[in-house]
Amino acid sequence: MPPTTRPGANIIRLADPEIDRRLKNGPDLVSASFVIPYPPGFPIMVPGQVITQETIDFMRKLDVKEIHGYDATEGLKLVRADALAKLAKRRRSALRESAA
């Protein structure tokens, strides 16, 4: 199932093979929101965090009442890959300008 696109974010279900493909081949999975399982109530993802295989494995094994910032019927809210590419391009350009 293709990711759902929202302004600034893609939403991909945790079980979607796209998650595993991107973890292996890119582009990076970058969280667009806080994800806080309760209990215990500490964040396992924060906005801007590059998501690792370990974090995905942990999420897939969670057995808790609530996960704030995550809706299992929708999926993980991720920064869109095209938005990340634009940001990287701007940073490279700024670095070139400051080096000149």
Protein backbone atom coordinates (compact mmCIF):
# COMPACT_ATOMS: atom_id res chain seq x y z
CA MET A 1 0.00 0.00 0.00
CA PRO A 2 1.54 3.36 -0.98
CA PRO A 3 2.25 5.85 1.81
CA THR A 4 -0.44 8.39 2.62
CA THR A 5 0.84 11.89 1.94
CA ARG A 6 0.00 14.86 4.09
CA PRO A 7 1.56 18.31 3.92
CA GLY A 8 5.15 17.80 5.08
CA ALA A 9 4.65 14.15 6.05
CA ASN A 10 4.10 10.63 4.78
CA ILE A 11 2.22 8.13 6.85
CA ILE A 12 3.33 4.51 6.47
CA ARG A 13 1.90 1.58 8.40
CA LEU A 14 4.35 -0.18 10.68
CA ALA A 15 3.86 -3.54 8.92
CA ASP A 16 4.25 -2.06 5.41
CA PRO A 17 7.24 -3.58 3.55
CA GLU A 18 8.13 0.00 2.53
CA ILE A 19 9.48 0.54 6.08
CA ASP A 20 11.94 -2.36 5.72
CA ARG A 21 12.90 -1.36 2.18
CA ARG A 22 13.73 2.19 3.25
CA LEU A 23 15.67 0.99 6.27
CA LYS A 24 17.87 -1.07 3.95
CA ASN A 25 18.06 1.12 0.86
CA GLY A 26 17.02 4.63 1.87
CA PRO A 27 15.92 7.27 1.90
CA ASP A 28 16.12 7.60 5.68
CA LEU A 29 12.97 7.30 7.75
CA VAL A 30 12.71 10.54 9.75
CA SER A 31 10.07 10.93 12.44
CA ALA A 32 7.65 13.83 12.02
CA SER A 33 6.23 13.51 15.53
CA PHE A 34 6.84 12.41 19.07
CA VAL A 35 5.99 8.73 19.68
CA ILE A 36 5.52 7.90 23.34
CA PRO A 37 4.39 4.45 24.49
CA TYR A 38 2.47 4.48 27.77
CA PRO A 39 3.46 2.94 30.03
CA PRO A 40 6.32 3.77 30.60
CA GLY A 41 5.77 7.23 29.11
CA PHE A 42 9.15 8.18 27.63
CA PRO A 43 9.58 9.09 23.95
CA ILE A 44 11.06 6.52 21.59
CA MET A 45 10.86 8.92 18.63
CA VAL A 46 11.12 12.69 18.42
CA PRO A 47 10.59 14.98 15.42
CA GLY A 48 13.66 14.94 13.17
CA GLN A 49 15.02 11.67 14.53
CA VAL A 50 16.36 9.19 11.98
CA ILE A 51 14.53 5.95 12.76
CA THR A 52 16.62 2.80 13.08
CA GLN A 53 15.82 -0.88 12.61
CA GLU A 54 16.03 -1.31 16.39
CA THR A 55 13.32 1.32 16.93
CA ILE A 56 11.04 -0.33 14.34
CA ASP A 57 11.62 -3.76 15.91
CA PHE A 58 10.78 -2.31 19.34
CA MET A 59 7.59 -0.67 18.00
CA ARG A 60 6.48 -3.90 16.34
CA LYS A 61 6.84 -5.79 19.65
CA LEU A 62 5.15 -3.22 21.88
CA ASP A 63 2.23 -4.43 23.94
CA VAL A 64 0.97 -1.35 25.76
CA LYS A 65 -2.38 0.37 26.22
CA GLU A 66 -1.48 3.60 24.46
CA ILE A 67 1.13 5.03 22.15
CA HIS A 68 0.86 8.81 22.08
CA GLY A 69 1.70 10.25 18.66
CA TYR A 70 1.06 6.98 16.83
CA ASP A 71 -2.19 5.72 15.33
CA ALA A 72 -1.95 2.03 14.41
CA THR A 73 -4.78 2.39 11.88
CA GLU A 74 -2.80 5.04 9.99
CA GLY A 75 0.89 4.39 10.71
CA LEU A 76 4.10 6.25 11.41
CA LYS A 77 4.18 9.93 10.58
CA LEU A 78 7.42 10.54 8.66
CA VAL A 79 9.02 13.61 7.11
CA ARG A 80 8.61 13.31 3.34
CA ALA A 81 11.72 12.20 1.45
CA ASP A 82 11.40 15.09 -1.00
CA ALA A 83 11.33 17.57 1.90
CA LEU A 84 14.53 16.01 3.27
CA ALA A 85 16.19 16.25 -0.16
CA LYS A 86 15.27 19.96 -0.42
CA LEU A 87 16.67 20.61 3.04
CA ALA A 88 19.93 18.82 2.21
CA LYS A 89 20.26 20.85 -1.00
CA ARG A 90 19.76 24.13 0.90
CA ARG A 91 22.35 23.14 3.49
CA ARG A 92 24.92 22.26 0.81
CA SER A 93 24.29 25.57 -0.91
CA ALA A 94 24.66 27.49 2.37
CA LEU A 95 27.90 25.69 3.14
CA ARG A 96 29.31 26.55 -0.29
CA GLU A 97 28.34 30.22 0.16
CA SER A 98 29.94 30.42 3.61
CA ALA A 99 33.16 28.78 2.31
CA ALA A 100 33.47 31.33 -0.51
